[in-house]
Amino acid sequence: MEFQRRYGRRKKSNPKRGIVLVLLLFLVIILWLYADSILEQIFN
């Protein structure tokens, strides 16, 4: 019962955290991809 209760609580909190992590990873990937062009523009 205790395990099920803890697992249920984690289920409720996981989706929000998962969405936030996905958005952060998406932003990091975008910044990483655009970093090359941004650096080229600065140095050129």
C-alpha atoms as a PDB file:
ATOM      1  CA  MET A   1       0.000   0.000   0.000  1.00  0.00           C
ATOM      2  CA  GLU A   2       2.781   2.411   0.904  1.00  0.00           C
ATOM      3  CA  PHE A   3       4.567   1.737  -2.386  1.00  0.00           C
ATOM      4  CA  GLN A   4       1.348   2.262  -4.350  1.00  0.00           C
ATOM      5  CA  ARG A   5       0.675   5.558  -2.557  1.00  0.00           C
ATOM      6  CA  ARG A   6       4.193   6.827  -3.219  1.00  0.00           C
ATOM      7  CA  TYR A   7       4.024   5.669  -6.840  1.00  0.00           C
ATOM      8  CA  GLY A   8       0.646   7.417  -7.252  1.00  0.00           C
ATOM      9  CA  ARG A   9       2.067  10.665  -5.895  1.00  0.00           C
ATOM     10  CA  ARG A  10       5.045  10.407  -8.238  1.00  0.00           C
ATOM     11  CA  LYS A  11       2.708   9.802 -11.180  1.00  0.00           C
ATOM     12  CA  LYS A  12       0.882  13.064 -10.458  1.00  0.00           C
ATOM     13  CA  SER A  13       4.095  15.115 -10.229  1.00  0.00           C
ATOM     14  CA  ASN A  14       6.050  13.430 -13.043  1.00  0.00           C
ATOM     15  CA  PRO A  15       4.117  14.791 -16.092  1.00  0.00           C
ATOM     16  CA  LYS A  16       4.738  18.431 -15.134  1.00  0.00           C
ATOM     17  CA  ARG A  17       8.417  17.799 -14.442  1.00  0.00           C
ATOM     18  CA  GLY A  18       8.721  15.795 -17.657  1.00  0.00           C
ATOM     19  CA  ILE A  19       7.225  18.627 -19.721  1.00  0.00           C
ATOM     20  CA  VAL A  20       9.572  21.154 -18.108  1.00  0.00           C
ATOM     21  CA  LEU A  21      12.593  18.918 -18.754  1.00  0.00           C
ATOM     22  CA  VAL A  22      11.554  18.394 -22.388  1.00  0.00           C
ATOM     23  CA  LEU A  23      11.158  22.146 -22.894  1.00  0.00           C
ATOM     24  CA  LEU A  24      14.557  22.809 -21.313  1.00  0.00           C
ATOM     25  CA  LEU A  25      16.214  20.165 -23.491  1.00  0.00           C
ATOM     26  CA  PHE A  26      14.474  21.602 -26.566  1.00  0.00           C
ATOM     27  CA  LEU A  27      15.752  25.116 -25.734  1.00  0.00           C
ATOM     28  CA  VAL A  28      19.268  23.782 -25.113  1.00  0.00           C
ATOM     29  CA  ILE A  29      19.270  21.960 -28.461  1.00  0.00           C
ATOM     30  CA  ILE A  30      18.065  25.106 -30.264  1.00  0.00           C
ATOM     31  CA  LEU A  31      20.717  27.241 -28.575  1.00  0.00           C
ATOM     32  CA  TRP A  32      23.378  24.598 -29.378  1.00  0.00           C
ATOM     33  CA  LEU A  33      22.363  24.485 -33.057  1.00  0.00           C
ATOM     34  CA  TYR A  34      22.239  28.291 -33.376  1.00  0.00           C
ATOM     35  CA  ALA A  35      25.435  28.778 -31.333  1.00  0.00           C
ATOM     36  CA  ASP A  36      27.596  28.028 -34.383  1.00  0.00           C
ATOM     37  CA  SER A  37      25.857  30.594 -36.613  1.00  0.00           C
ATOM     38  CA  ILE A  38      25.783  33.186 -33.822  1.00  0.00           C
ATOM     39  CA  LEU A  39      29.525  32.757 -33.149  1.00  0.00           C
ATOM     40  CA  GLU A  40      30.264  32.940 -36.881  1.00  0.00           C
ATOM     41  CA  GLN A  41      28.307  36.195 -37.168  1.00  0.00           C
ATOM     42  CA  ILE A  42      30.132  37.674 -34.163  1.00  0.00           C
ATOM     43  CA  PHE A  43      33.633  36.724 -35.328  1.00  0.00           C
ATOM     44  CA  ASN A  44      32.948  37.481 -38.988  1.00  0.00           C
END
